[in-house]
All heavy atoms as atom14 arrays in JSON, in Angstrom:
{
  "sequence": "TPAAFLSHVVDRGDAKAIAAQEAAAPPTIAIGGGAQWFAHPPPAIHA",
  "atom14_mask": [
    [1, 1, 1, 1, 1, 1, 1, 0, 0, 0, 0, 0, 0, 0],
    [1, 1, 1, 1, 1, 1, 1, 0, 0, 0, 0, 0, 0, 0],
    [1, 1, 1, 1, 1, 0, 0, 0, 0, 0, 0, 0, 0, 0],
    [1, 1, 1, 1, 1, 0, 0, 0, 0, 0, 0, 0, 0, 0],
    [1, 1, 1, 1, 1, 1, 1, 1, 1, 1, 1, 0, 0, 0],
    [1, 1, 1, 1, 1, 1, 1, 1, 0, 0, 0, 0, 0, 0],
    [1, 1, 1, 1, 1, 1, 0, 0, 0, 0, 0, 0, 0, 0],
    [1, 1, 1, 1, 1, 1, 1, 1, 1, 1, 0, 0, 0, 0],
    [1, 1, 1, 1, 1, 1, 1, 0, 0, 0, 0, 0, 0, 0],
    [1, 1, 1, 1, 1, 1, 1, 0, 0, 0, 0, 0, 0, 0],
    [1, 1, 1, 1, 1, 1, 1, 1, 0, 0, 0, 0, 0, 0],
    [1, 1, 1, 1, 1, 1, 1, 1, 1, 1, 1, 0, 0, 0],
    [1, 1, 1, 1, 0, 0, 0, 0, 0, 0, 0, 0, 0, 0],
    [1, 1, 1, 1, 1, 1, 1, 1, 0, 0, 0, 0, 0, 0],
    [1, 1, 1, 1, 1, 0, 0, 0, 0, 0, 0, 0, 0, 0],
    [1, 1, 1, 1, 1, 1, 1, 1, 1, 0, 0, 0, 0, 0],
    [1, 1, 1, 1, 1, 0, 0, 0, 0, 0, 0, 0, 0, 0],
    [1, 1, 1, 1, 1, 1, 1, 1, 0, 0, 0, 0, 0, 0],
    [1, 1, 1, 1, 1, 0, 0, 0, 0, 0, 0, 0, 0, 0],
    [1, 1, 1, 1, 1, 0, 0, 0, 0, 0, 0, 0, 0, 0],
    [1, 1, 1, 1, 1, 1, 1, 1, 1, 0, 0, 0, 0, 0],
    [1, 1, 1, 1, 1, 1, 1, 1, 1, 0, 0, 0, 0, 0],
    [1, 1, 1, 1, 1, 0, 0, 0, 0, 0, 0, 0, 0, 0],
    [1, 1, 1, 1, 1, 0, 0, 0, 0, 0, 0, 0, 0, 0],
    [1, 1, 1, 1, 1, 0, 0, 0, 0, 0, 0, 0, 0, 0],
    [1, 1, 1, 1, 1, 1, 1, 0, 0, 0, 0, 0, 0, 0],
    [1, 1, 1, 1, 1, 1, 1, 0, 0, 0, 0, 0, 0, 0],
    [1, 1, 1, 1, 1, 1, 1, 0, 0, 0, 0, 0, 0, 0],
    [1, 1, 1, 1, 1, 1, 1, 1, 0, 0, 0, 0, 0, 0],
    [1, 1, 1, 1, 1, 0, 0, 0, 0, 0, 0, 0, 0, 0],
    [1, 1, 1, 1, 1, 1, 1, 1, 0, 0, 0, 0, 0, 0],
    [1, 1, 1, 1, 0, 0, 0, 0, 0, 0, 0, 0, 0, 0],
    [1, 1, 1, 1, 0, 0, 0, 0, 0, 0, 0, 0, 0, 0],
    [1, 1, 1, 1, 0, 0, 0, 0, 0, 0, 0, 0, 0, 0],
    [1, 1, 1, 1, 1, 0, 0, 0, 0, 0, 0, 0, 0, 0],
    [1, 1, 1, 1, 1, 1, 1, 1, 1, 0, 0, 0, 0, 0],
    [1, 1, 1, 1, 1, 1, 1, 1, 1, 1, 1, 1, 1, 1],
    [1, 1, 1, 1, 1, 1, 1, 1, 1, 1, 1, 0, 0, 0],
    [1, 1, 1, 1, 1, 0, 0, 0, 0, 0, 0, 0, 0, 0],
    [1, 1, 1, 1, 1, 1, 1, 1, 1, 1, 0, 0, 0, 0],
    [1, 1, 1, 1, 1, 1, 1, 0, 0, 0, 0, 0, 0, 0],
    [1, 1, 1, 1, 1, 1, 1, 0, 0, 0, 0, 0, 0, 0],
    [1, 1, 1, 1, 1, 1, 1, 0, 0, 0, 0, 0, 0, 0],
    [1, 1, 1, 1, 1, 0, 0, 0, 0, 0, 0, 0, 0, 0],
    [1, 1, 1, 1, 1, 1, 1, 1, 0, 0, 0, 0, 0, 0],
    [1, 1, 1, 1, 1, 1, 1, 1, 1, 1, 0, 0, 0, 0],
    [1, 1, 1, 1, 1, 0, 0, 0, 0, 0, 0, 0, 0, 0]
  ],
  "atom14_positions": [
    [[0.81, -1.21, 0.0], [0.0, 0.0, 0.0], [0.85, 1.27, 0.0], [0.66, 2.13, -0.87], [-1.01, 0.0, 1.16], [-1.82, -1.17, 1.06], [-1.9, 1.23, 1.11], [0.0, 0.0, 0.0], [0.0, 0.0, 0.0], [0.0, 0.0, 0.0], [0.0, 0.0, 0.0], [0.0, 0.0, 0.0], [0.0, 0.0, 0.0], [0.0, 0.0, 0.0]],
    [[1.8, 1.45, 0.93], [2.62, 2.66, 0.82], [3.47, 2.68, -0.45], [3.66, 3.75, -1.06], [3.5, 2.62, 2.08], [3.46, 1.22, 2.55], [2.13, 0.69, 2.15], [0.0, 0.0, 0.0], [0.0, 0.0, 0.0], [0.0, 0.0, 0.0], [0.0, 0.0, 0.0], [0.0, 0.0, 0.0], [0.0, 0.0, 0.0], [0.0, 0.0, 0.0]],
    [[3.95, 1.51, -0.87], [4.8, 1.46, -2.07], [4.04, 1.85, -3.33], [4.64, 2.34, -4.29], [5.4, 0.06, -2.22], [0.0, 0.0, 0.0], [0.0, 0.0, 0.0], [0.0, 0.0, 0.0], [0.0, 0.0, 0.0], [0.0, 0.0, 0.0], [0.0, 0.0, 0.0], [0.0, 0.0, 0.0], [0.0, 0.0, 0.0], [0.0, 0.0, 0.0]],
    [[2.72, 1.65, -3.34], [1.93, 2.03, -4.52], [1.97, 3.53, -4.76], [1.77, 3.99, -5.88], [0.49, 1.56, -4.35], [0.0, 0.0, 0.0], [0.0, 0.0, 0.0], [0.0, 0.0, 0.0], [0.0, 0.0, 0.0], [0.0, 0.0, 0.0], [0.0, 0.0, 0.0], [0.0, 0.0, 0.0], [0.0, 0.0, 0.0], [0.0, 0.0, 0.0]],
    [[2.23, 4.31, -3.71], [2.31, 5.76, -3.84], [3.73, 6.25, -4.14], [3.93, 7.39, -4.52], [1.82, 6.43, -2.55], [0.35, 6.31, -2.33], [-0.19, 5.17, -1.76], [-0.52, 7.33, -2.69], [-1.56, 5.04, -1.56], [-1.89, 7.21, -2.49], [-2.4, 6.06, -1.92], [0.0, 0.0, 0.0], [0.0, 0.0, 0.0], [0.0, 0.0, 0.0]],
    [[4.73, 5.36, -3.95], [6.12, 5.8, -3.98], [7.0, 5.07, -4.98], [8.19, 5.39, -5.08], [6.74, 5.63, -2.57], [6.07, 6.4, -1.43], [6.69, 6.0, -0.1], [6.18, 7.9, -1.66], [0.0, 0.0, 0.0], [0.0, 0.0, 0.0], [0.0, 0.0, 0.0], [0.0, 0.0, 0.0], [0.0, 0.0, 0.0], [0.0, 0.0, 0.0]],
    [[6.47, 4.08, -5.69], [7.32, 3.3, -6.59], [6.5, 2.75, -7.75], [5.27, 2.83, -7.74], [7.99, 2.15, -5.83], [7.02, 1.21, -5.39], [0.0, 0.0, 0.0], [0.0, 0.0, 0.0], [0.0, 0.0, 0.0], [0.0, 0.0, 0.0], [0.0, 0.0, 0.0], [0.0, 0.0, 0.0], [0.0, 0.0, 0.0], [0.0, 0.0, 0.0]],
    [[7.2, 2.16, -8.7], [6.56, 1.57, -9.89], [7.28, 0.25, -10.18], [8.39, 0.25, -10.71], [6.69, 2.49, -11.09], [6.19, 3.89, -10.85], [4.9, 4.28, -11.16], [6.79, 4.98, -10.31], [4.74, 5.55, -10.83], [5.88, 5.99, -10.32], [0.0, 0.0, 0.0], [0.0, 0.0, 0.0], [0.0, 0.0, 0.0], [0.0, 0.0, 0.0]],
    [[6.66, -0.87, -9.83], [7.26, -2.19, -10.08], [6.18, -3.16, -10.52], [5.0, -2.97, -10.22], [7.99, -2.76, -8.83], [9.16, -1.88, -8.43], [7.03, -2.93, -7.67], [0.0, 0.0, 0.0], [0.0, 0.0, 0.0], [0.0, 0.0, 0.0], [0.0, 0.0, 0.0], [0.0, 0.0, 0.0], [0.0, 0.0, 0.0], [0.0, 0.0, 0.0]],
    [[6.58, -4.22, -11.21], [5.61, -5.2, -11.68], [5.36, -6.3, -10.64], [4.43, -7.08, -10.8], [6.03, -5.84, -13.02], [6.07, -4.79, -14.11], [7.38, -6.53, -12.89], [0.0, 0.0, 0.0], [0.0, 0.0, 0.0], [0.0, 0.0, 0.0], [0.0, 0.0, 0.0], [0.0, 0.0, 0.0], [0.0, 0.0, 0.0], [0.0, 0.0, 0.0]],
    [[6.17, -6.36, -9.57], [5.99, -7.37, -8.54], [6.18, -6.75, -7.17], [7.27, -6.28, -6.83], [6.98, -8.52, -8.73], [6.73, -9.67, -7.75], [5.86, -9.53, -6.85], [7.4, -10.7, -7.87], [0.0, 0.0, 0.0], [0.0, 0.0, 0.0], [0.0, 0.0, 0.0], [0.0, 0.0, 0.0], [0.0, 0.0, 0.0], [0.0, 0.0, 0.0]],
    [[5.14, -6.73, -6.38], [5.18, -6.14, -5.06], [6.23, -6.77, -4.14], [6.64, -6.18, -3.15], [3.81, -6.27, -4.39], [3.37, -7.7, -4.2], [2.02, -7.84, -3.54], [2.07, -7.55, -2.11], [1.02, -7.63, -1.29], [-0.18, -7.93, -1.8], [1.14, -7.37, -0.03], [0.0, 0.0, 0.0], [0.0, 0.0, 0.0], [0.0, 0.0, 0.0]],
    [[6.68, -7.98, -4.48], [7.68, -8.67, -3.67], [9.1, -8.19, -3.88], [10.01, -8.59, -3.15], [0.0, 0.0, 0.0], [0.0, 0.0, 0.0], [0.0, 0.0, 0.0], [0.0, 0.0, 0.0], [0.0, 0.0, 0.0], [0.0, 0.0, 0.0], [0.0, 0.0, 0.0], [0.0, 0.0, 0.0], [0.0, 0.0, 0.0], [0.0, 0.0, 0.0]],
    [[9.32, -7.32, -4.85], [10.67, -6.84, -5.15], [11.02, -5.67, -4.24], [11.13, -4.52, -4.68], [10.77, -6.45, -6.63], [12.2, -6.28, -7.09], [13.13, -6.34, -6.24], [12.41, -6.1, -8.3], [0.0, 0.0, 0.0], [0.0, 0.0, 0.0], [0.0, 0.0, 0.0], [0.0, 0.0, 0.0], [0.0, 0.0, 0.0], [0.0, 0.0, 0.0]],
    [[11.22, -5.98, -2.95], [11.42, -4.93, -1.95], [12.68, -4.11, -2.22], [12.71, -2.9, -1.96], [11.49, -5.55, -0.56], [0.0, 0.0, 0.0], [0.0, 0.0, 0.0], [0.0, 0.0, 0.0], [0.0, 0.0, 0.0], [0.0, 0.0, 0.0], [0.0, 0.0, 0.0], [0.0, 0.0, 0.0], [0.0, 0.0, 0.0], [0.0, 0.0, 0.0]],
    [[13.73, -4.75, -2.74], [14.97, -4.0, -3.01], [14.75, -2.93, -4.07], [15.21, -1.79, -3.93], [16.07, -4.96, -3.46], [16.63, -5.82, -2.34], [17.8, -6.66, -2.84], [18.39, -7.5, -1.71], [19.54, -8.33, -2.18], [0.0, 0.0, 0.0], [0.0, 0.0, 0.0], [0.0, 0.0, 0.0], [0.0, 0.0, 0.0], [0.0, 0.0, 0.0]],
    [[14.04, -3.27, -5.14], [13.77, -2.3, -6.19], [12.85, -1.19, -5.68], [13.04, -0.01, -6.0], [13.14, -2.98, -7.4], [0.0, 0.0, 0.0], [0.0, 0.0, 0.0], [0.0, 0.0, 0.0], [0.0, 0.0, 0.0], [0.0, 0.0, 0.0], [0.0, 0.0, 0.0], [0.0, 0.0, 0.0], [0.0, 0.0, 0.0], [0.0, 0.0, 0.0]],
    [[11.86, -1.56, -4.87], [10.94, -0.56, -4.31], [11.72, 0.41, -3.43], [11.58, 1.63, -3.54], [9.82, -1.26, -3.51], [8.91, -2.05, -4.45], [9.01, -0.23, -2.71], [7.95, -2.98, -3.74], [0.0, 0.0, 0.0], [0.0, 0.0, 0.0], [0.0, 0.0, 0.0], [0.0, 0.0, 0.0], [0.0, 0.0, 0.0], [0.0, 0.0, 0.0]],
    [[12.55, -0.13, -2.52], [13.34, 0.73, -1.63], [14.27, 1.64, -2.41], [14.46, 2.82, -2.06], [14.11, -0.13, -0.64], [0.0, 0.0, 0.0], [0.0, 0.0, 0.0], [0.0, 0.0, 0.0], [0.0, 0.0, 0.0], [0.0, 0.0, 0.0], [0.0, 0.0, 0.0], [0.0, 0.0, 0.0], [0.0, 0.0, 0.0], [0.0, 0.0, 0.0]],
    [[14.88, 1.11, -3.47], [15.8, 1.92, -4.27], [15.07, 3.09, -4.92], [15.59, 4.22, -4.95], [16.46, 1.04, -5.33], [0.0, 0.0, 0.0], [0.0, 0.0, 0.0], [0.0, 0.0, 0.0], [0.0, 0.0, 0.0], [0.0, 0.0, 0.0], [0.0, 0.0, 0.0], [0.0, 0.0, 0.0], [0.0, 0.0, 0.0], [0.0, 0.0, 0.0]],
    [[13.85, 2.84, -5.42], [13.07, 3.92, -6.03], [12.65, 4.94, -4.98], [12.7, 6.16, -5.21], [11.85, 3.36, -6.74], [12.17, 2.58, -8.0], [10.92, 2.13, -8.73], [9.9, 2.81, -8.72], [10.99, 0.98, -9.37], [0.0, 0.0, 0.0], [0.0, 0.0, 0.0], [0.0, 0.0, 0.0], [0.0, 0.0, 0.0], [0.0, 0.0, 0.0]],
    [[12.23, 4.46, -3.8], [11.81, 5.37, -2.74], [12.98, 6.23, -2.27], [12.8, 7.43, -2.0], [11.23, 4.57, -1.57], [9.92, 3.88, -1.91], [9.37, 3.02, -0.8], [10.13, 2.71, 0.15], [8.19, 2.62, -0.88], [0.0, 0.0, 0.0], [0.0, 0.0, 0.0], [0.0, 0.0, 0.0], [0.0, 0.0, 0.0], [0.0, 0.0, 0.0]],
    [[14.17, 5.64, -2.18], [15.35, 6.4, -1.75], [15.81, 7.38, -2.82], [16.3, 8.48, -2.5], [16.48, 5.44, -1.39], [0.0, 0.0, 0.0], [0.0, 0.0, 0.0], [0.0, 0.0, 0.0], [0.0, 0.0, 0.0], [0.0, 0.0, 0.0], [0.0, 0.0, 0.0], [0.0, 0.0, 0.0], [0.0, 0.0, 0.0], [0.0, 0.0, 0.0]],
    [[15.63, 7.01, -4.09], [16.07, 7.88, -5.18], [15.16, 9.08, -5.36], [15.62, 10.16, -5.76], [16.15, 7.07, -6.47], [0.0, 0.0, 0.0], [0.0, 0.0, 0.0], [0.0, 0.0, 0.0], [0.0, 0.0, 0.0], [0.0, 0.0, 0.0], [0.0, 0.0, 0.0], [0.0, 0.0, 0.0], [0.0, 0.0, 0.0], [0.0, 0.0, 0.0]],
    [[13.87, 8.91, -5.1], [12.91, 10.01, -5.28], [11.94, 10.02, -4.09], [10.76, 9.7, -4.25], [12.16, 9.86, -6.59], [0.0, 0.0, 0.0], [0.0, 0.0, 0.0], [0.0, 0.0, 0.0], [0.0, 0.0, 0.0], [0.0, 0.0, 0.0], [0.0, 0.0, 0.0], [0.0, 0.0, 0.0], [0.0, 0.0, 0.0], [0.0, 0.0, 0.0]],
    [[12.44, 10.36, -2.9], [11.59, 10.28, -1.71], [10.58, 11.42, -1.65], [10.78, 12.48, -2.27], [12.59, 10.4, -0.56], [13.69, 11.25, -1.13], [13.79, 10.84, -2.58], [0.0, 0.0, 0.0], [0.0, 0.0, 0.0], [0.0, 0.0, 0.0], [0.0, 0.0, 0.0], [0.0, 0.0, 0.0], [0.0, 0.0, 0.0], [0.0, 0.0, 0.0]],
    [[9.48, 11.21, -0.92], [8.59, 12.34, -0.65], [9.28, 13.28, 0.35], [10.41, 13.02, 0.77], [7.36, 11.67, -0.04], [7.92, 10.45, 0.63], [9.06, 9.98, -0.25], [0.0, 0.0, 0.0], [0.0, 0.0, 0.0], [0.0, 0.0, 0.0], [0.0, 0.0, 0.0], [0.0, 0.0, 0.0], [0.0, 0.0, 0.0], [0.0, 0.0, 0.0]],
    [[8.6, 14.34, 0.72], [9.17, 15.26, 1.72], [9.46, 14.52, 3.01], [10.5, 14.75, 3.64], [8.18, 16.41, 1.98], [7.81, 17.0, 0.73], [8.8, 17.46, 2.89], [0.0, 0.0, 0.0], [0.0, 0.0, 0.0], [0.0, 0.0, 0.0], [0.0, 0.0, 0.0], [0.0, 0.0, 0.0], [0.0, 0.0, 0.0], [0.0, 0.0, 0.0]],
    [[8.58, 13.6, 3.39], [8.81, 12.78, 4.58], [8.08, 11.46, 4.41], [6.97, 11.41, 3.89], [8.35, 13.5, 5.87], [8.76, 12.7, 7.11], [6.85, 13.8, 5.86], [8.61, 13.47, 8.42], [0.0, 0.0, 0.0], [0.0, 0.0, 0.0], [0.0, 0.0, 0.0], [0.0, 0.0, 0.0], [0.0, 0.0, 0.0], [0.0, 0.0, 0.0]],
    [[8.75, 10.37, 4.82], [8.14, 9.04, 4.83], [8.5, 8.39, 6.16], [9.67, 8.36, 6.55], [8.65, 8.19, 3.69], [0.0, 0.0, 0.0], [0.0, 0.0, 0.0], [0.0, 0.0, 0.0], [0.0, 0.0, 0.0], [0.0, 0.0, 0.0], [0.0, 0.0, 0.0], [0.0, 0.0, 0.0], [0.0, 0.0, 0.0], [0.0, 0.0, 0.0]],
    [[7.5, 7.89, 6.86], [7.7, 7.29, 8.18], [7.07, 5.91, 8.18], [5.91, 5.75, 7.8], [7.08, 8.14, 9.3], [7.6, 9.58, 9.26], [7.37, 7.51, 10.67], [6.92, 10.5, 10.27], [0.0, 0.0, 0.0], [0.0, 0.0, 0.0], [0.0, 0.0, 0.0], [0.0, 0.0, 0.0], [0.0, 0.0, 0.0], [0.0, 0.0, 0.0]],
    [[7.8, 4.91, 8.63], [7.28, 3.56, 8.73], [8.38, 2.6, 9.09], [9.41, 2.98, 9.66], [0.0, 0.0, 0.0], [0.0, 0.0, 0.0], [0.0, 0.0, 0.0], [0.0, 0.0, 0.0], [0.0, 0.0, 0.0], [0.0, 0.0, 0.0], [0.0, 0.0, 0.0], [0.0, 0.0, 0.0], [0.0, 0.0, 0.0], [0.0, 0.0, 0.0]],
    [[8.2, 1.32, 8.75], [9.24, 0.32, 8.95], [10.03, 0.1, 7.68], [9.94, 0.87, 6.73], [0.0, 0.0, 0.0], [0.0, 0.0, 0.0], [0.0, 0.0, 0.0], [0.0, 0.0, 0.0], [0.0, 0.0, 0.0], [0.0, 0.0, 0.0], [0.0, 0.0, 0.0], [0.0, 0.0, 0.0], [0.0, 0.0, 0.0], [0.0, 0.0, 0.0]],
    [[10.82, -0.99, 7.68], [11.56, -1.35, 6.48], [13.01, -0.96, 6.45], [13.62, -0.9, 5.37], [0.0, 0.0, 0.0], [0.0, 0.0, 0.0], [0.0, 0.0, 0.0], [0.0, 0.0, 0.0], [0.0, 0.0, 0.0], [0.0, 0.0, 0.0], [0.0, 0.0, 0.0], [0.0, 0.0, 0.0], [0.0, 0.0, 0.0], [0.0, 0.0, 0.0]],
    [[13.61, -0.72, 7.62], [15.02, -0.3, 7.65], [15.94, -1.31, 6.99], [16.99, -0.94, 6.47], [15.45, -0.06, 9.1], [0.0, 0.0, 0.0], [0.0, 0.0, 0.0], [0.0, 0.0, 0.0], [0.0, 0.0, 0.0], [0.0, 0.0, 0.0], [0.0, 0.0, 0.0], [0.0, 0.0, 0.0], [0.0, 0.0, 0.0], [0.0, 0.0, 0.0]],
    [[15.55, -2.59, 6.99], [16.4, -3.62, 6.4], [16.66, -3.39, 4.91], [17.63, -3.91, 4.35], [15.77, -4.99, 6.59], [14.42, -5.16, 5.9], [13.81, -6.53, 6.13], [14.51, -7.53, 6.08], [12.5, -6.58, 6.39], [0.0, 0.0, 0.0], [0.0, 0.0, 0.0], [0.0, 0.0, 0.0], [0.0, 0.0, 0.0], [0.0, 0.0, 0.0]],
    [[15.79, -2.62, 4.25], [15.93, -2.42, 2.81], [16.67, -1.14, 2.44], [16.94, -0.9, 1.27], [14.54, -2.41, 2.15], [13.73, -3.62, 2.46], [12.59, -3.67, 3.21], [14.01, -4.96, 2.05], [12.13, -4.96, 3.29], [12.99, -5.77, 2.58], [15.01, -5.54, 1.27], [12.94, -7.14, 2.37], [14.96, -6.91, 1.06], [13.94, -7.69, 1.61]],
    [[16.97, -0.3, 3.43], [17.61, 0.99, 3.15], [18.99, 1.02, 3.79], [19.13, 1.25, 4.99], [16.76, 2.14, 3.71], [15.39, 2.24, 3.11], [14.3, 1.66, 3.76], [15.16, 2.9, 1.92], [13.02, 1.75, 3.23], [13.89, 2.99, 1.37], [12.83, 2.42, 2.02], [0.0, 0.0, 0.0], [0.0, 0.0, 0.0], [0.0, 0.0, 0.0]],
    [[20.03, 0.83, 2.98], [21.4, 0.86, 3.51], [21.78, 2.27, 3.94], [22.34, 2.48, 5.02], [22.37, 0.33, 2.46], [0.0, 0.0, 0.0], [0.0, 0.0, 0.0], [0.0, 0.0, 0.0], [0.0, 0.0, 0.0], [0.0, 0.0, 0.0], [0.0, 0.0, 0.0], [0.0, 0.0, 0.0], [0.0, 0.0, 0.0], [0.0, 0.0, 0.0]],
    [[21.47, 3.24, 3.1], [21.79, 4.64, 3.39], [20.59, 5.49, 3.02], [20.6, 6.17, 1.98], [23.04, 5.09, 2.62], [24.24, 4.25, 2.89], [24.93, 4.3, 4.09], [24.88, 3.33, 2.12], [25.94, 3.45, 4.04], [25.93, 2.84, 2.86], [0.0, 0.0, 0.0], [0.0, 0.0, 0.0], [0.0, 0.0, 0.0], [0.0, 0.0, 0.0]],
    [[19.55, 5.47, 3.84], [18.33, 6.2, 3.48], [18.56, 7.71, 3.49], [19.35, 8.22, 4.31], [17.34, 5.79, 4.57], [18.2, 5.41, 5.73], [19.43, 4.81, 5.14], [0.0, 0.0, 0.0], [0.0, 0.0, 0.0], [0.0, 0.0, 0.0], [0.0, 0.0, 0.0], [0.0, 0.0, 0.0], [0.0, 0.0, 0.0], [0.0, 0.0, 0.0]],
    [[17.9, 8.44, 2.61], [17.98, 9.9, 2.65], [17.3, 10.42, 3.9], [16.51, 9.71, 4.53], [17.24, 10.31, 1.38], [16.31, 9.18, 1.09], [17.02, 7.94, 1.55], [0.0, 0.0, 0.0], [0.0, 0.0, 0.0], [0.0, 0.0, 0.0], [0.0, 0.0, 0.0], [0.0, 0.0, 0.0], [0.0, 0.0, 0.0], [0.0, 0.0, 0.0]],
    [[17.59, 11.66, 4.28], [17.0, 12.21, 5.52], [15.48, 12.19, 5.54], [14.88, 12.17, 6.62], [17.54, 13.65, 5.55], [18.78, 13.6, 4.73], [18.54, 12.58, 3.66], [0.0, 0.0, 0.0], [0.0, 0.0, 0.0], [0.0, 0.0, 0.0], [0.0, 0.0, 0.0], [0.0, 0.0, 0.0], [0.0, 0.0, 0.0], [0.0, 0.0, 0.0]],
    [[14.83, 12.19, 4.37], [13.37, 12.21, 4.32], [12.75, 10.9, 4.76], [11.58, 10.85, 5.15], [12.9, 12.54, 2.91], [0.0, 0.0, 0.0], [0.0, 0.0, 0.0], [0.0, 0.0, 0.0], [0.0, 0.0, 0.0], [0.0, 0.0, 0.0], [0.0, 0.0, 0.0], [0.0, 0.0, 0.0], [0.0, 0.0, 0.0], [0.0, 0.0, 0.0]],
    [[13.49, 9.8, 4.7], [12.95, 8.48, 5.02], [13.31, 8.1, 6.45], [14.48, 8.0, 6.81], [13.45, 7.42, 4.03], [12.85, 7.69, 2.65], [13.09, 6.02, 4.49], [13.25, 6.71, 1.58], [0.0, 0.0, 0.0], [0.0, 0.0, 0.0], [0.0, 0.0, 0.0], [0.0, 0.0, 0.0], [0.0, 0.0, 0.0], [0.0, 0.0, 0.0]],
    [[12.28, 7.88, 7.26], [12.45, 7.51, 8.66], [11.95, 6.08, 8.84], [10.76, 5.85, 9.06], [11.67, 8.47, 9.56], [12.07, 9.92, 9.38], [12.98, 10.55, 10.2], [11.71, 10.83, 8.44], [13.15, 11.8, 9.79], [12.38, 11.98, 8.72], [0.0, 0.0, 0.0], [0.0, 0.0, 0.0], [0.0, 0.0, 0.0], [0.0, 0.0, 0.0]],
    [[12.84, 5.12, 8.72], [12.49, 3.71, 8.89], [12.76, 3.32, 10.34], [13.92, 3.27, 10.77], [13.3, 2.84, 7.93], [0.0, 0.0, 0.0], [0.0, 0.0, 0.0], [0.0, 0.0, 0.0], [0.0, 0.0, 0.0], [0.0, 0.0, 0.0], [0.0, 0.0, 0.0], [0.0, 0.0, 0.0], [0.0, 0.0, 0.0], [0.0, 0.0, 0.0]]
  ]
}
């Protein structure tokens, strides 16, 4: 559900690709879980 607003992938299970897209073009702020997928998250992403 959150990824539908922040990424574009053909398989919802591709968490690495989703995280990469979210990190590359983050919203002003994103708060939730998922720290395992973000090695170096931008300041806008709070996992």
